[in-house]
Amino acid sequence: MADEPLFLAIDQGTQSVRAMLFSKHGQLVAKAQQHITPYFSKQPNWAEQNGDYFWHHLGRACQGLWQQHPTLRDRVVAAALTCQRATMICLDEDLQPVRPATIWLDSRRTDRYPPLPFWMQWGAAAAGMSHMLYQLRSKAECNWLAADFPQDWQRTRHFVQLSAYLSHLLTGQLQDAVSSQVGYVPFDHKRQAWARPGDLKWKALTVRPEQLPPLVQAAQTLGRISASAAAHTGIPEGLPLYAAGADKACEVLACGGIRPDVACISYGTTATINTGNAKYVEPMPFLPAYPAAVPHAYNSEIIVQRGYWMVNWFKREFAAHEVRQAEERGIAPELLFDELLDASPPGSMGLVLQPFWNPGVKFPGPEAKGAVIGFGDVHTRAHLYRSIIEGLAYALRHGKDQLQKRNGQTITALRVAGGGSQSDRIMQITANIFGLPAERIHTYEASGLGAAINAAVGSGSYPDHATAVSAMSHRGTRFEPDDATAHLYDRLYKEVYLRMYDRLSPLYRSIRHITHYPKH
């Protein structure tokens, strides 16, 4: 309808920023996209980007939207921002960046962090948390910033997520969404608030309470678009900006992941599997459930670090032919990768990949490395590519098994989003490896839709998130598992994949001791 209200969703991702308009029924009406350079590296393992760089491209994306669709701006009734998570930025007393933002891909560490009282160290050891505590203290951006850049840290009056910084530039108010708090910050995930005084996190981290922003729940207002932001972005001045949350949280919401029997898979740079829950359920002991993009709800998440990053790695190292073909045809190289899947059978003729190129804190373990076993003279690039896709699905199926056990509820539905979900072949592989139907939602822009759902609820278009999800998220193509192929994958998963880590982890430890890589 020509006069139907629209919701503006701004999605500040790792690879691009997108400004999108969604209808009350969840249809993507218009979109403008600005590709960005994810980060620059002054030294190995650094990943940084300037705050004004993000703001500049956010403005260009919004202005591009109005230029392409000038008649739609007057129909916009509310806006929401979703953002890449765990990207931190230091601001001075005038709310200006002290230094570039630290992108979530940055892998710096420090061994110079605040000492803990002996009784806290003893308690962490007794609870089996010593390694987790070491990971927190060594990886936390605030700790290595204080150690390596003490003058910058002394000037830092506000230490916030990129989402808070962009919200401030949009509204003039420094606030952030509860569901954006993912990272090494003193956040109480169960209470969904900053940690109480006396919490161990305040002792383990250098950040202080006054450096952290006020938090609001999803669909609550972050402020209204300021005059300066309106001039920069073209968004109508005074338009309310509602809290949404991190991109993964919004993606899970858009996929209908508000119950523990629905698993949401994201085939993104980081591959994840999530279940939504009204109660707090840690996906693994000592790993928190993150705040959902629904007030006072939680997402239990298993992460495969560097998930679909491996597709980019394959493209860079092994797919020069497809890259050349794609340039000649004017299409993305990934579209040609389905031909590699067609050229290789299920199971990759015995080639099995363990996708732990970048190990996590608990899953699979700190010593893990990637592995491919079963090589023979029959194997080609096509088999290697298929083994990457299958290995990611195996790892996510393992995550599904863990979530079922922790939630005490069987997962009966799979919703799939992210770049990999665009491939029919990958969707079919997912259904076959999980032995469950796999569904897309109706739009590829899942994170944007999740933000739009929060704008719709915040503006009063829907009374609650469940009603909004029912009205705005629709089923797309459904892929049923093939019984014979699912049986083959089930055997490979149980008899090979699940045994790989225990068999190989002693070798990983030896590799690390001999080569001193990776460093921990």
Protein backbone atom coordinates (compact mmCIF):
# COMPACT_ATOMS: atom_id res chain seq x y z
CA MET A 1 0.00 0.00 0.00
CA ALA A 2 1.27 3.45 -0.91
CA ASP A 3 0.66 4.88 2.57
CA GLU A 4 1.79 1.86 4.60
CA PRO A 5 4.30 2.77 7.36
CA LEU A 6 7.90 1.67 6.88
CA PHE A 7 10.68 0.83 9.31
CA LEU A 8 14.29 1.85 8.69
CA ALA A 9 16.86 -0.80 9.61
CA ILE A 10 20.55 0.13 9.56
CA ASP A 11 22.85 -2.91 9.53
CA GLN A 12 26.49 -2.03 10.23
CA GLY A 13 28.20 -5.29 9.36
CA THR A 14 31.80 -6.37 8.98
CA GLN A 15 31.86 -6.20 5.17
CA SER A 16 29.29 -3.49 4.46
CA VAL A 17 26.67 -1.15 5.89
CA ARG A 18 23.12 -1.44 4.61
CA ALA A 19 20.17 0.92 4.97
CA MET A 20 16.88 -0.93 4.45
CA LEU A 21 13.18 -0.22 4.57
CA PHE A 22 10.82 -2.96 5.71
CA SER A 23 7.05 -3.02 5.61
CA LYS A 24 4.79 -3.99 8.49
CA HIS A 25 4.59 -7.44 6.91
CA GLY A 26 8.37 -7.89 6.88
CA GLN A 27 8.90 -7.32 3.18
CA LEU A 28 12.12 -5.62 2.11
CA VAL A 29 10.84 -2.57 0.23
CA ALA A 30 14.13 -0.82 -0.52
CA LYS A 31 17.83 -1.16 0.22
CA ALA A 32 21.09 0.72 -0.29
CA GLN A 33 24.48 -0.78 0.50
CA GLN A 34 27.97 0.60 1.00
CA HIS A 35 30.83 -1.90 0.96
CA ILE A 36 33.56 -1.12 3.45
CA THR A 37 37.10 -2.20 4.18
CA PRO A 38 36.60 -4.34 7.30
CA TYR A 39 39.83 -3.25 8.96
CA PHE A 40 43.42 -2.16 8.49
CA SER A 41 46.43 -3.77 10.17
CA LYS A 42 49.46 -1.75 11.24
CA GLN A 43 50.97 -4.97 12.56
CA PRO A 44 50.15 -8.69 12.26
CA ASN A 45 47.06 -9.72 14.27
CA TRP A 46 45.82 -6.12 14.49
CA ALA A 47 42.38 -5.30 13.11
CA GLU A 48 41.30 -1.65 13.44
CA GLN A 49 39.07 0.83 11.67
CA ASN A 50 38.42 4.52 12.24
CA GLY A 51 35.16 5.50 13.88
CA ASP A 52 34.50 8.29 11.39
CA TYR A 53 34.99 5.78 8.57
CA PHE A 54 31.97 3.82 9.79
CA TRP A 55 29.94 7.01 10.25
CA HIS A 56 30.85 8.28 6.78
CA HIS A 57 29.69 5.08 5.08
CA LEU A 58 26.57 4.82 7.22
CA GLY A 59 25.63 8.28 6.00
CA ARG A 60 26.33 7.34 2.38
CA ALA A 61 24.17 4.23 2.65
CA CYS A 62 21.24 6.20 4.05
CA GLN A 63 21.60 9.03 1.55
CA GLY A 64 21.78 6.45 -1.25
CA LEU A 65 18.52 4.95 -0.04
CA TRP A 66 16.68 8.28 -0.26
CA GLN A 67 18.26 9.12 -3.61
CA GLN A 68 17.01 5.86 -5.08
CA HIS A 69 13.59 6.07 -3.38
CA PRO A 70 12.82 9.72 -2.61
CA THR A 71 9.10 9.18 -2.03
CA LEU A 72 9.57 6.59 0.73
CA ARG A 73 11.23 8.75 3.38
CA ASP A 74 7.97 10.34 4.53
CA ARG A 75 6.53 6.90 5.27
CA VAL A 76 9.27 5.95 7.74
CA VAL A 77 7.88 5.89 11.30
CA ALA A 78 10.79 4.37 13.26
CA ALA A 79 14.40 3.25 12.94
CA ALA A 80 16.66 0.67 14.56
CA LEU A 81 20.37 -0.10 14.35
CA THR A 82 22.01 -3.51 14.37
CA CYS A 83 25.77 -3.76 14.44
CA GLN A 84 28.72 -6.13 14.29
CA ARG A 85 29.38 -7.26 17.81
CA ALA A 86 32.47 -7.14 20.03
CA THR A 87 33.97 -4.16 18.17
CA MET A 88 35.10 -1.67 20.82
CA ILE A 89 36.00 2.01 20.64
CA CYS A 90 37.58 4.42 23.14
CA LEU A 91 36.03 7.89 23.45
CA ASP A 92 37.39 10.92 25.28
CA GLU A 93 35.48 13.31 27.53
CA ASP A 94 34.09 15.08 24.44
CA LEU A 95 32.88 11.71 23.04
CA GLN A 96 35.49 11.81 20.29
CA PRO A 97 37.45 8.67 19.35
CA VAL A 98 40.78 8.42 21.13
CA ARG A 99 42.06 5.82 18.68
CA PRO A 100 40.63 3.53 15.97
CA ALA A 101 37.97 1.02 16.90
CA THR A 102 39.22 -2.49 17.66
CA ILE A 103 37.43 -4.86 15.29
CA TRP A 104 36.27 -8.20 16.65
CA LEU A 105 38.81 -9.98 14.40
CA ASP A 106 41.72 -8.37 16.28
CA SER A 107 43.70 -11.08 18.09
CA ARG A 108 46.02 -9.09 20.35
CA ARG A 109 46.70 -10.28 23.89
CA THR A 110 48.58 -9.23 26.97
CA ASP A 111 50.06 -10.88 30.04
CA ARG A 112 50.09 -7.53 31.87
CA TYR A 113 46.71 -7.34 33.52
CA PRO A 114 45.46 -6.47 37.01
CA PRO A 115 46.51 -8.95 39.72
CA LEU A 116 43.73 -10.87 41.41
CA PRO A 117 43.43 -11.42 45.16
CA PHE A 118 44.67 -14.91 46.06
CA TRP A 119 41.25 -16.01 47.22
CA MET A 120 39.74 -15.18 43.82
CA GLN A 121 42.49 -17.12 42.07
CA TRP A 122 41.90 -20.07 44.39
CA GLY A 123 38.15 -19.93 43.81
CA ALA A 124 38.58 -19.85 40.03
CA ALA A 125 40.93 -22.84 40.17
CA ALA A 126 38.55 -24.78 42.41
CA ALA A 127 35.70 -24.13 39.97
CA GLY A 128 37.78 -25.19 36.97
CA MET A 129 37.71 -21.64 35.58
CA SER A 130 41.41 -20.81 35.56
CA HIS A 131 41.85 -21.12 31.82
CA MET A 132 38.62 -19.23 31.12
CA LEU A 133 39.78 -16.47 33.45
CA TYR A 134 43.15 -16.33 31.70
CA GLN A 135 41.44 -16.02 28.33
CA LEU A 136 39.26 -13.18 29.64
CA ARG A 137 42.15 -11.25 31.15
CA SER A 138 44.62 -11.75 28.30
CA LYS A 139 42.19 -11.11 25.41
CA ALA A 140 40.17 -8.24 26.90
CA GLU A 141 40.70 -5.11 24.82
CA CYS A 142 40.63 -2.87 27.87
CA ASN A 143 43.51 -4.83 29.43
CA TRP A 144 45.86 -4.79 26.45
CA LEU A 145 44.96 -1.18 25.68
CA ALA A 146 45.89 -0.19 29.23
CA ALA A 147 49.13 -2.18 28.98
CA ASP A 148 50.24 -1.27 25.45
CA PHE A 149 48.69 2.19 24.98
CA PRO A 150 48.59 3.68 28.48
CA GLN A 151 48.31 7.29 27.31
CA ASP A 152 45.30 6.45 25.12
CA TRP A 153 43.70 4.52 27.95
CA GLN A 154 44.19 7.42 30.37
CA ARG A 155 42.28 9.66 27.93
CA THR A 156 39.45 7.12 27.58
CA ARG A 157 36.36 8.37 29.41
CA HIS A 158 33.96 6.04 27.62
CA PHE A 159 34.70 2.48 26.50
CA VAL A 160 31.82 1.29 24.34
CA GLN A 161 30.68 -1.02 21.57
CA LEU A 162 30.63 0.40 18.04
CA SER A 163 26.82 0.25 18.30
CA ALA A 164 26.84 2.74 21.19
CA TYR A 165 29.14 5.11 19.30
CA LEU A 166 26.92 5.06 16.20
CA SER A 167 23.77 5.45 18.32
CA HIS A 168 25.37 8.52 19.91
CA LEU A 169 26.13 10.02 16.51
CA LEU A 170 22.54 9.35 15.42
CA THR A 171 20.81 10.72 18.51
CA GLY A 172 23.28 12.76 20.56
CA GLN A 173 22.79 10.34 23.45
CA LEU A 174 25.36 7.74 24.51
CA GLN A 175 23.28 4.62 25.20
CA ASP A 176 23.39 1.06 23.94
CA ALA A 177 21.17 -1.98 23.60
CA VAL A 178 21.39 -4.72 26.21
CA SER A 179 21.52 -7.25 23.39
CA SER A 180 24.66 -5.64 21.94
CA GLN A 181 26.79 -6.58 24.95
CA VAL A 182 28.92 -9.39 23.60
CA GLY A 183 32.63 -9.33 24.27
CA TYR A 184 35.18 -8.96 27.04
CA VAL A 185 33.25 -6.50 29.17
CA PRO A 186 32.03 -6.73 32.80
CA PHE A 187 28.48 -7.70 31.88
CA ASP A 188 26.21 -9.95 33.96
CA HIS A 189 24.54 -12.01 31.25
CA LYS A 190 21.94 -13.56 33.53
CA ARG A 191 20.79 -10.22 34.97
CA GLN A 192 21.37 -8.47 31.62
CA ALA A 193 23.08 -5.55 33.32
CA TRP A 194 26.57 -4.37 34.17
CA ALA A 195 28.14 -6.58 36.81
CA ARG A 196 27.48 -5.76 40.44
CA PRO A 197 30.21 -4.24 42.59
CA GLY A 198 32.44 -6.99 43.91
CA ASP A 199 32.02 -9.16 40.82
CA LEU A 200 35.25 -10.87 39.79
CA LYS A 201 35.10 -9.19 36.36
CA TRP A 202 35.83 -5.78 37.87
CA LYS A 203 39.01 -7.21 39.37
CA ALA A 204 40.00 -8.99 36.16
CA LEU A 205 39.48 -6.01 33.83
CA THR A 206 40.84 -2.46 33.82
CA VAL A 207 37.58 -0.85 32.67
CA ARG A 208 35.66 1.16 35.29
CA PRO A 209 31.87 1.44 35.77
CA GLU A 210 31.80 5.13 34.79
CA GLN A 211 33.37 4.29 31.41
CA LEU A 212 30.42 2.11 30.36
CA PRO A 213 27.19 3.41 28.79
CA PRO A 214 23.61 3.13 30.07
CA LEU A 215 21.80 0.11 28.61
CA VAL A 216 18.22 -0.26 27.38
CA GLN A 217 16.27 -3.36 26.44
CA ALA A 218 15.29 -4.25 22.88
CA ALA A 219 12.49 -2.09 21.43
CA GLN A 220 13.09 0.68 23.97
CA THR A 221 14.11 4.07 22.64
CA LEU A 222 17.75 5.08 22.33
CA GLY A 223 16.79 8.64 21.45
CA ARG A 224 15.64 10.61 18.42
CA ILE A 225 17.53 11.46 15.26
CA SER A 226 19.38 14.73 15.86
CA ALA A 227 19.57 17.67 13.48
CA SER A 228 23.24 16.96 12.69
CA ALA A 229 22.53 13.26 12.07
CA ALA A 230 19.59 14.17 9.83
CA ALA A 231 21.88 16.40 7.77
CA HIS A 232 24.47 13.63 7.49
CA THR A 233 22.13 10.71 6.77
CA GLY A 234 18.95 12.22 5.40
CA ILE A 235 16.93 10.39 8.08
CA PRO A 236 14.07 12.65 9.20
CA GLU A 237 14.99 14.70 12.24
CA GLY A 238 13.16 13.59 15.38
CA LEU A 239 12.55 10.03 14.14
CA PRO A 240 12.76 7.62 17.11
CA LEU A 241 15.68 5.17 17.14
CA TYR A 242 14.86 1.93 18.95
CA ALA A 243 17.30 -0.52 20.49
CA ALA A 244 17.69 -3.77 18.56
CA GLY A 245 21.00 -5.48 19.30
CA ALA A 246 23.97 -7.21 17.77
CA ASP A 247 23.69 -8.63 14.26
CA LYS A 248 23.56 -12.27 15.40
CA ALA A 249 20.83 -11.52 17.95
CA CYS A 250 18.75 -9.75 15.31
CA GLU A 251 19.34 -12.58 12.86
CA VAL A 252 18.09 -15.16 15.38
CA LEU A 253 15.00 -13.06 16.06
CA ALA A 254 14.22 -12.70 12.34
CA CYS A 255 14.53 -16.48 11.91
CA GLY A 256 11.94 -17.05 14.62
CA GLY A 257 14.45 -18.31 17.17
CA ILE A 258 12.41 -17.47 20.23
CA ARG A 259 11.91 -21.07 21.43
CA PRO A 260 14.47 -23.77 22.36
CA ASP A 261 13.04 -26.27 19.85
CA VAL A 262 13.99 -24.01 16.91
CA ALA A 263 17.68 -23.82 16.02
CA CYS A 264 18.97 -20.89 13.99
CA ILE A 265 22.10 -21.47 11.94
CA SER A 266 24.13 -18.56 10.62
CA TYR A 267 26.59 -19.29 7.84
CA GLY A 268 28.51 -16.06 8.25
CA THR A 269 32.15 -15.06 8.77
CA THR A 270 31.60 -16.67 12.15
CA ALA A 271 29.30 -19.68 11.87
CA THR A 272 26.86 -20.11 14.76
CA ILE A 273 23.93 -22.16 15.94
CA ASN A 274 21.51 -20.59 18.43
CA THR A 275 18.38 -21.43 20.33
CA GLY A 276 16.18 -18.79 21.97
CA ASN A 277 15.01 -19.19 25.54
CA ALA A 278 12.97 -17.35 28.13
CA LYS A 279 15.29 -18.69 30.83
CA TYR A 280 19.06 -18.44 31.23
CA VAL A 281 20.77 -21.57 29.88
CA GLU A 282 24.51 -21.58 29.40
CA PRO A 283 25.37 -23.39 26.14
CA MET A 284 28.42 -24.86 27.89
CA PRO A 285 29.58 -24.58 31.51
CA PHE A 286 30.98 -21.09 32.19
CA LEU A 287 30.03 -19.83 28.72
CA PRO A 288 27.21 -17.29 29.01
CA ALA A 289 23.91 -17.21 27.20
CA TYR A 290 23.82 -13.89 25.36
CA PRO A 291 20.94 -11.42 25.63
CA ALA A 292 18.41 -11.92 22.84
CA ALA A 293 16.98 -9.13 20.69
CA VAL A 294 13.85 -9.65 22.79
CA PRO A 295 13.58 -8.05 26.25
CA HIS A 296 14.71 -10.30 29.13
CA ALA A 297 15.26 -13.32 26.87
CA TYR A 298 18.41 -15.24 25.98
CA ASN A 299 20.22 -16.86 23.08
CA SER A 300 22.27 -19.97 23.80
CA GLU A 301 24.97 -19.98 21.15
CA ILE A 302 27.67 -22.32 19.91
CA ILE A 303 30.29 -20.62 17.72
CA VAL A 304 32.56 -22.01 15.03
CA GLN A 305 35.17 -19.26 14.71
CA ARG A 306 36.28 -18.41 11.19
CA GLY A 307 33.26 -20.30 9.83
CA TYR A 308 32.53 -19.07 6.33
CA TRP A 309 35.82 -17.23 6.41
CA MET A 310 37.11 -20.60 5.17
CA VAL A 311 35.14 -20.14 1.95
CA ASN A 312 37.01 -16.88 1.38
CA TRP A 313 40.26 -18.67 2.21
CA PHE A 314 39.41 -21.36 -0.37
CA LYS A 315 38.55 -18.69 -2.92
CA ARG A 316 41.85 -16.91 -2.35
CA GLU A 317 44.08 -19.99 -2.32
CA PHE A 318 42.39 -22.46 -4.68
CA ALA A 319 39.77 -20.76 -6.84
CA ALA A 320 41.66 -18.52 -9.28
CA HIS A 321 39.79 -20.19 -12.16
CA GLU A 322 36.35 -19.39 -10.69
CA VAL A 323 37.43 -15.85 -9.85
CA ARG A 324 38.47 -15.24 -13.47
CA GLN A 325 35.26 -16.79 -14.78
CA ALA A 326 33.17 -14.69 -12.41
CA GLU A 327 34.89 -11.49 -13.52
CA GLU A 328 34.18 -12.35 -17.15
CA ARG A 329 30.51 -13.07 -16.39
CA GLY A 330 30.05 -10.20 -13.95
CA ILE A 331 28.93 -12.38 -11.03
CA ALA A 332 30.24 -13.30 -7.56
CA PRO A 333 32.77 -16.18 -7.59
CA GLU A 334 30.83 -17.97 -4.84
CA LEU A 335 27.99 -18.55 -7.29
CA LEU A 336 30.30 -20.82 -9.26
CA PHE A 337 31.24 -22.86 -6.21
CA ASP A 338 27.97 -24.80 -6.45
CA GLU A 339 29.51 -26.39 -9.54
CA LEU A 340 32.26 -27.76 -7.27
CA LEU A 341 29.61 -29.28 -5.03
CA ASP A 342 27.97 -30.85 -8.08
CA ALA A 343 31.36 -32.31 -9.07
CA SER A 344 31.88 -34.11 -5.74
CA PRO A 345 29.72 -36.72 -3.99
CA PRO A 346 28.29 -36.56 -0.45
CA GLY A 347 31.06 -37.46 1.98
CA SER A 348 33.75 -36.03 -0.32
CA MET A 349 35.01 -39.56 -1.04
CA GLY A 350 36.27 -39.89 2.52
CA LEU A 351 37.75 -36.43 2.96
CA VAL A 352 36.66 -35.12 6.40
CA LEU A 353 37.48 -31.61 7.64
CA GLN A 354 37.55 -30.37 11.22
CA PRO A 355 36.94 -26.61 10.92
CA PHE A 356 38.81 -25.30 13.94
CA TRP A 357 41.06 -22.86 12.10
CA ASN A 358 40.68 -20.46 15.02
CA PRO A 359 39.99 -22.26 18.33
CA GLY A 360 37.55 -20.97 20.88
CA VAL A 361 37.85 -20.67 24.63
CA LYS A 362 35.81 -23.80 25.36
CA PHE A 363 34.59 -25.12 22.00
CA PRO A 364 36.37 -27.13 20.87
CA GLY A 365 39.29 -26.22 23.13
CA PRO A 366 42.28 -23.88 23.36
CA GLU A 367 44.71 -26.28 21.66
CA ALA A 368 42.54 -27.10 18.65
CA LYS A 369 43.73 -26.64 15.10
CA GLY A 370 42.09 -27.29 11.78
CA ALA A 371 42.55 -30.70 10.17
CA VAL A 372 41.64 -32.56 7.00
CA ILE A 373 41.97 -36.35 6.99
CA GLY A 374 41.37 -39.05 4.40
CA PHE A 375 43.34 -37.61 1.46
CA GLY A 376 43.83 -39.87 -1.53
CA ASP A 377 44.90 -39.55 -5.13
CA VAL A 378 41.25 -39.28 -6.23
CA HIS A 379 40.71 -35.98 -4.44
CA THR A 380 40.40 -32.66 -6.23
CA ARG A 381 39.64 -29.04 -5.36
CA ALA A 382 35.96 -29.93 -5.56
CA HIS A 383 36.32 -32.54 -2.80
CA LEU A 384 38.23 -30.07 -0.62
CA TYR A 385 35.55 -27.42 -1.05
CA ARG A 386 32.77 -29.89 -0.25
CA SER A 387 34.69 -31.07 2.82
CA ILE A 388 34.79 -27.44 4.07
CA ILE A 389 31.01 -27.12 3.75
CA GLU A 390 30.42 -30.54 5.30
CA GLY A 391 32.92 -29.90 8.12
CA LEU A 392 31.17 -26.69 9.13
CA ALA A 393 27.83 -28.50 9.16
CA TYR A 394 29.30 -31.33 11.28
CA ALA A 395 30.60 -28.79 13.80
CA LEU A 396 27.22 -27.06 13.95
CA ARG A 397 25.44 -30.41 14.34
CA HIS A 398 27.72 -31.07 17.30
CA GLY A 399 26.60 -27.71 18.63
CA LYS A 400 22.97 -28.75 18.13
CA ASP A 401 23.57 -31.88 20.20
CA GLN A 402 25.08 -29.79 22.99
CA LEU A 403 22.21 -27.28 22.96
CA GLN A 404 19.60 -30.04 23.09
CA LYS A 405 21.31 -31.51 26.13
CA ARG A 406 21.65 -28.17 27.89
CA ASN A 407 18.11 -27.02 27.09
CA GLY A 408 16.55 -30.39 27.82
CA GLN A 409 14.53 -30.01 24.64
CA THR A 410 14.73 -31.67 21.23
CA ILE A 411 15.39 -29.37 18.29
CA THR A 412 12.77 -30.03 15.63
CA ALA A 413 13.32 -27.16 13.17
CA LEU A 414 16.32 -25.53 11.49
CA ARG A 415 16.25 -21.96 10.19
CA VAL A 416 19.29 -20.93 8.17
CA ALA A 417 20.63 -17.45 7.39
CA GLY A 418 23.90 -15.86 6.33
CA GLY A 419 25.85 -15.98 3.09
CA GLY A 420 25.89 -19.76 2.78
CA SER A 421 22.11 -19.96 3.00
CA GLN A 422 21.84 -18.51 -0.51
CA SER A 423 23.12 -21.78 -2.00
CA ASP A 424 20.53 -24.50 -2.57
CA ARG A 425 23.29 -27.11 -2.45
CA ILE A 426 24.54 -25.92 0.93
CA MET A 427 21.00 -25.87 2.27
CA GLN A 428 20.52 -29.47 1.11
CA ILE A 429 23.84 -30.56 2.65
CA THR A 430 22.72 -28.94 5.93
CA ALA A 431 19.40 -30.83 5.89
CA ASN A 432 21.18 -34.11 5.15
CA ILE A 433 23.87 -33.73 7.83
CA PHE A 434 21.40 -32.69 10.52
CA GLY A 435 18.76 -35.17 9.39
CA LEU A 436 16.19 -32.38 9.73
CA PRO A 437 14.34 -30.09 7.32
CA ALA A 438 16.27 -26.86 6.80
CA GLU A 439 14.43 -23.65 5.94
CA ARG A 440 15.41 -20.21 4.81
CA ILE A 441 13.34 -17.25 5.83
CA HIS A 442 11.78 -15.12 3.10
CA THR A 443 14.58 -12.54 2.98
CA TYR A 444 18.36 -12.77 2.91
CA GLU A 445 18.58 -9.62 5.07
CA ALA A 446 17.88 -11.40 8.35
CA SER A 447 19.78 -9.03 10.66
CA GLY A 448 18.02 -6.04 9.11
CA LEU A 449 14.65 -7.73 9.52
CA GLY A 450 15.40 -8.38 13.20
CA ALA A 451 16.16 -4.69 13.68
CA ALA A 452 12.95 -3.76 11.84
CA ILE A 453 10.95 -6.07 14.12
CA ASN A 454 12.24 -4.11 17.11
CA ALA A 455 11.37 -0.81 15.42
CA ALA A 456 7.87 -2.16 14.78
CA VAL A 457 7.38 -3.27 18.39
CA GLY A 458 8.94 -0.10 19.79
CA SER A 459 6.68 2.13 17.71
CA GLY A 460 3.58 0.23 18.82
CA SER A 461 2.78 -1.41 15.49
CA TYR A 462 2.79 -4.76 17.30
CA PRO A 463 2.16 -5.42 21.00
CA ASP A 464 5.11 -7.80 21.48
CA HIS A 465 7.93 -9.56 19.71
CA ALA A 466 6.15 -12.89 19.25
CA THR A 467 3.30 -11.17 17.40
CA ALA A 468 5.75 -9.16 15.30
CA VAL A 469 7.77 -12.26 14.38
CA SER A 470 4.61 -14.08 13.35
CA ALA A 471 3.60 -11.18 11.10
CA MET A 472 7.00 -10.17 9.71
CA SER A 473 9.05 -13.39 9.40
CA HIS A 474 7.88 -15.86 6.76
CA ARG A 475 9.09 -19.25 5.69
CA GLY A 476 11.13 -19.49 2.53
CA THR A 477 12.30 -22.58 0.67
CA ARG A 478 12.32 -25.80 2.72
CA PHE A 479 14.89 -28.55 2.11
CA GLU A 480 14.03 -32.09 3.21
CA PRO A 481 16.80 -34.57 4.09
CA ASP A 482 17.39 -37.45 1.70
CA ASP A 483 17.28 -40.66 3.76
CA ALA A 484 20.18 -42.46 2.08
CA THR A 485 22.48 -39.42 2.09
CA ALA A 486 21.49 -38.54 5.66
CA HIS A 487 22.43 -42.08 6.74
CA LEU A 488 25.87 -41.74 5.09
CA TYR A 489 26.48 -38.42 6.82
CA ASP A 490 25.23 -39.79 10.14
CA ARG A 491 27.84 -42.55 10.05
CA LEU A 492 30.64 -40.16 9.07
CA TYR A 493 29.58 -37.78 11.83
CA LYS A 494 29.39 -40.40 14.58
CA GLU A 495 32.16 -42.79 13.53
CA VAL A 496 34.71 -40.30 12.18
CA TYR A 497 34.04 -36.62 12.90
CA LEU A 498 33.20 -36.96 16.61
CA ARG A 499 36.35 -39.02 17.18
CA MET A 500 38.74 -36.66 15.40
CA TYR A 501 39.23 -34.10 18.13
CA ASP A 502 40.12 -36.56 20.91
CA ARG A 503 42.48 -38.42 18.58
CA LEU A 504 44.18 -35.30 17.27
CA SER A 505 44.31 -33.02 20.33
CA PRO A 506 47.53 -34.63 21.72
CA LEU A 507 49.15 -33.95 18.34
CA TYR A 508 47.90 -30.35 18.42
CA ARG A 509 49.53 -29.88 21.83
CA SER A 510 52.79 -31.31 20.52
CA ILE A 511 52.67 -29.00 17.50
CA ARG A 512 52.21 -26.01 19.76
CA HIS A 513 55.07 -27.02 22.06
CA ILE A 514 57.41 -27.62 19.11
CA THR A 515 56.50 -24.66 16.90
CA HIS A 516 55.16 -22.27 19.58
CA TYR A 517 52.11 -21.66 17.36
CA PRO A 518 49.40 -20.79 18.11
CA LYS A 519 50.54 -18.75 21.10
CA HIS A 520 48.33 -18.71 24.19
